[in-house]
Amino acid sequence: MLSTIPAQTGDWNIISGSIIVTVNELINKFIYKTKNIDKLLILKLINNIKVGIIYGLFVDAFKLGS
């Protein structure tokens, strides 16, 4: 759903997908570089939101593929 918000005209699919992947990788770099992830609740929350966004993209891809 996140990648379909600016894609009403169909022109922004590649740009929005690349932005989502880049933000995802930056979050991964920050989260997995931190040693004490168990103590920081906000990092767990951000990681769970990130996983949910990626899951949503996979579900949308399967819907479009079938």
N, C-alpha and C. Protein backbone atom coordinates (compact mmCIF):
# COMPACT_ATOMS: atom_id res chain seq x y z
N MET A 1 0.80 -1.19 0.00
CA MET A 1 0.00 0.00 0.00
C MET A 1 0.85 1.26 0.00
N LEU A 2 1.98 1.20 0.65
CA LEU A 2 2.82 2.39 0.75
C LEU A 2 3.33 2.81 -0.62
N SER A 3 3.67 1.85 -1.48
CA SER A 3 4.21 2.22 -2.78
C SER A 3 3.12 2.64 -3.75
N THR A 4 1.85 2.41 -3.45
CA THR A 4 0.78 2.79 -4.37
C THR A 4 0.21 4.18 -4.10
N ILE A 5 0.63 4.81 -3.01
CA ILE A 5 0.10 6.15 -2.70
C ILE A 5 0.48 7.16 -3.79
N PRO A 6 1.76 7.33 -4.16
CA PRO A 6 2.06 8.32 -5.21
C PRO A 6 1.92 7.74 -6.62
N ALA A 7 1.45 6.53 -6.75
CA ALA A 7 1.44 5.88 -8.06
C ALA A 7 0.08 5.93 -8.73
N GLN A 8 -0.72 6.93 -8.47
CA GLN A 8 -2.04 7.01 -9.07
C GLN A 8 -1.95 7.16 -10.58
N THR A 9 -0.92 7.83 -11.06
CA THR A 9 -0.76 7.98 -12.51
C THR A 9 0.09 6.88 -13.11
N GLY A 10 0.76 6.11 -12.29
CA GLY A 10 1.60 5.03 -12.79
C GLY A 10 3.02 5.47 -13.12
N ASP A 11 3.34 6.72 -12.88
CA ASP A 11 4.68 7.22 -13.21
C ASP A 11 5.68 7.09 -12.07
N TRP A 12 5.19 6.92 -10.84
CA TRP A 12 6.06 6.98 -9.68
C TRP A 12 6.40 5.61 -9.10
N ASN A 13 6.09 4.53 -9.78
CA ASN A 13 6.30 3.20 -9.21
C ASN A 13 7.77 2.91 -8.93
N ILE A 14 8.63 3.18 -9.87
CA ILE A 14 10.05 2.87 -9.71
C ILE A 14 10.67 3.80 -8.66
N ILE A 15 10.31 5.05 -8.68
CA ILE A 15 10.88 6.00 -7.73
C ILE A 15 10.44 5.67 -6.31
N SER A 16 9.16 5.41 -6.11
CA SER A 16 8.69 5.11 -4.76
C SER A 16 9.24 3.78 -4.26
N GLY A 17 9.37 2.80 -5.13
CA GLY A 17 9.96 1.52 -4.74
C GLY A 17 11.41 1.67 -4.33
N SER A 18 12.16 2.46 -5.08
CA SER A 18 13.57 2.66 -4.73
C SER A 18 13.73 3.45 -3.44
N ILE A 19 12.84 4.39 -3.19
CA ILE A 19 12.89 5.14 -1.93
C ILE A 19 12.59 4.22 -0.75
N ILE A 20 11.60 3.35 -0.89
CA ILE A 20 11.25 2.43 0.19
C ILE A 20 12.40 1.47 0.47
N VAL A 21 13.04 0.94 -0.58
CA VAL A 21 14.16 0.02 -0.39
C VAL A 21 15.35 0.74 0.25
N THR A 22 15.62 1.97 -0.17
CA THR A 22 16.74 2.72 0.40
C THR A 22 16.51 3.02 1.88
N VAL A 23 15.30 3.44 2.24
CA VAL A 23 15.00 3.71 3.65
C VAL A 23 15.10 2.42 4.46
N ASN A 24 14.63 1.32 3.87
CA ASN A 24 14.72 0.03 4.54
C ASN A 24 16.16 -0.35 4.82
N GLU A 25 17.02 -0.18 3.86
CA GLU A 25 18.43 -0.53 4.04
C GLU A 25 19.11 0.39 5.06
N LEU A 26 18.75 1.66 5.08
CA LEU A 26 19.33 2.57 6.07
C LEU A 26 18.89 2.20 7.48
N ILE A 27 17.62 1.81 7.62
CA ILE A 27 17.14 1.36 8.93
C ILE A 27 17.86 0.08 9.34
N ASN A 28 18.05 -0.85 8.40
CA ASN A 28 18.78 -2.08 8.71
C ASN A 28 20.20 -1.78 9.18
N LYS A 29 20.86 -0.86 8.49
CA LYS A 29 22.24 -0.52 8.86
C LYS A 29 22.30 0.05 10.27
N PHE A 30 21.35 0.91 10.62
CA PHE A 30 21.35 1.52 11.94
C PHE A 30 20.98 0.52 13.03
N ILE A 31 19.97 -0.31 12.77
CA ILE A 31 19.50 -1.24 13.79
C ILE A 31 20.52 -2.33 14.06
N TYR A 32 21.06 -2.92 13.03
CA TYR A 32 21.96 -4.06 13.24
C TYR A 32 23.38 -3.63 13.58
N LYS A 33 23.67 -2.34 13.47
CA LYS A 33 24.96 -1.83 13.93
C LYS A 33 24.94 -1.60 15.44
N THR A 34 23.76 -1.35 15.99
CA THR A 34 23.60 -1.11 17.43
C THR A 34 23.72 -2.42 18.18
N LYS A 35 24.54 -2.45 19.20
CA LYS A 35 24.80 -3.67 19.96
C LYS A 35 23.68 -4.00 20.93
N ASN A 36 23.14 -3.01 21.63
CA ASN A 36 22.13 -3.24 22.67
C ASN A 36 20.73 -3.00 22.14
N ILE A 37 20.33 -3.79 21.15
CA ILE A 37 19.00 -3.61 20.56
C ILE A 37 17.91 -4.06 21.53
N ASP A 38 18.22 -4.97 22.46
CA ASP A 38 17.21 -5.45 23.39
C ASP A 38 16.76 -4.36 24.36
N LYS A 39 17.62 -3.38 24.63
CA LYS A 39 17.29 -2.35 25.60
C LYS A 39 16.53 -1.18 24.98
N LEU A 40 16.60 -1.01 23.69
CA LEU A 40 15.98 0.14 23.05
C LEU A 40 14.63 -0.25 22.43
N LEU A 41 13.56 0.16 23.06
CA LEU A 41 12.22 -0.18 22.61
C LEU A 41 11.88 0.49 21.29
N ILE A 42 12.36 1.71 21.08
CA ILE A 42 12.05 2.42 19.85
C ILE A 42 12.67 1.73 18.64
N LEU A 43 13.85 1.12 18.81
CA LEU A 43 14.47 0.40 17.69
C LEU A 43 13.69 -0.86 17.36
N LYS A 44 13.14 -1.51 18.37
CA LYS A 44 12.30 -2.68 18.11
C LYS A 44 11.04 -2.27 17.35
N LEU A 45 10.46 -1.16 17.75
CA LEU A 45 9.25 -0.67 17.10
C LEU A 45 9.52 -0.32 15.64
N ILE A 46 10.61 0.38 15.38
CA ILE A 46 10.98 0.75 14.01
C ILE A 46 11.24 -0.50 13.18
N ASN A 47 11.91 -1.49 13.77
CA ASN A 47 12.20 -2.73 13.05
C ASN A 47 10.91 -3.48 12.72
N ASN A 48 9.95 -3.51 13.65
CA ASN A 48 8.68 -4.18 13.38
C ASN A 48 7.87 -3.46 12.30
N ILE A 49 7.89 -2.14 12.30
CA ILE A 49 7.21 -1.39 11.25
C ILE A 49 7.86 -1.66 9.90
N LYS A 50 9.18 -1.73 9.87
CA LYS A 50 9.91 -2.02 8.64
C LYS A 50 9.54 -3.39 8.10
N VAL A 51 9.47 -4.38 8.96
CA VAL A 51 9.10 -5.73 8.53
C VAL A 51 7.67 -5.74 8.01
N GLY A 52 6.78 -4.99 8.63
CA GLY A 52 5.40 -4.91 8.16
C GLY A 52 5.29 -4.26 6.79
N ILE A 53 6.07 -3.25 6.54
CA ILE A 53 6.06 -2.59 5.23
C ILE A 53 6.56 -3.54 4.15
N ILE A 54 7.64 -4.26 4.43
CA ILE A 54 8.16 -5.21 3.45
C ILE A 54 7.16 -6.34 3.21
N TYR A 55 6.50 -6.81 4.26
CA TYR A 55 5.47 -7.84 4.12
C TYR A 55 4.32 -7.33 3.25
N GLY A 56 3.92 -6.10 3.46
CA GLY A 56 2.85 -5.51 2.65
C GLY A 56 3.23 -5.41 1.19
N LEU A 57 4.50 -5.09 0.91
CA LEU A 57 4.95 -5.04 -0.48
C LEU A 57 4.91 -6.41 -1.14
N PHE A 58 5.29 -7.45 -0.39
CA PHE A 58 5.21 -8.80 -0.94
C PHE A 58 3.77 -9.22 -1.20
N VAL A 59 2.86 -8.88 -0.31
CA VAL A 59 1.46 -9.22 -0.50
C VAL A 59 0.90 -8.50 -1.73
N ASP A 60 1.24 -7.22 -1.90
CA ASP A 60 0.81 -6.49 -3.09
C ASP A 60 1.40 -7.10 -4.36
N ALA A 61 2.63 -7.54 -4.29
CA ALA A 61 3.25 -8.15 -5.47
C ALA A 61 2.56 -9.46 -5.83
N PHE A 62 2.17 -10.25 -4.83
CA PHE A 62 1.46 -11.50 -5.13
C PHE A 62 0.06 -11.23 -5.67
N LYS A 63 -0.58 -10.15 -5.18
CA LYS A 63 -1.90 -9.80 -5.71
C LYS A 63 -1.79 -9.39 -7.19
N LEU A 64 -0.76 -8.64 -7.52
CA LEU A 64 -0.60 -8.18 -8.90
C LEU A 64 -0.16 -9.32 -9.81
N GLY A 65 0.54 -10.30 -9.25
CA GLY A 65 1.04 -11.40 -10.07
C GLY A 65 -0.02 -12.45 -10.39
N SER A 66 -1.08 -12.48 -9.62
CA SER A 66 -2.09 -13.52 -9.88
C SER A 66 -3.27 -13.00 -10.67
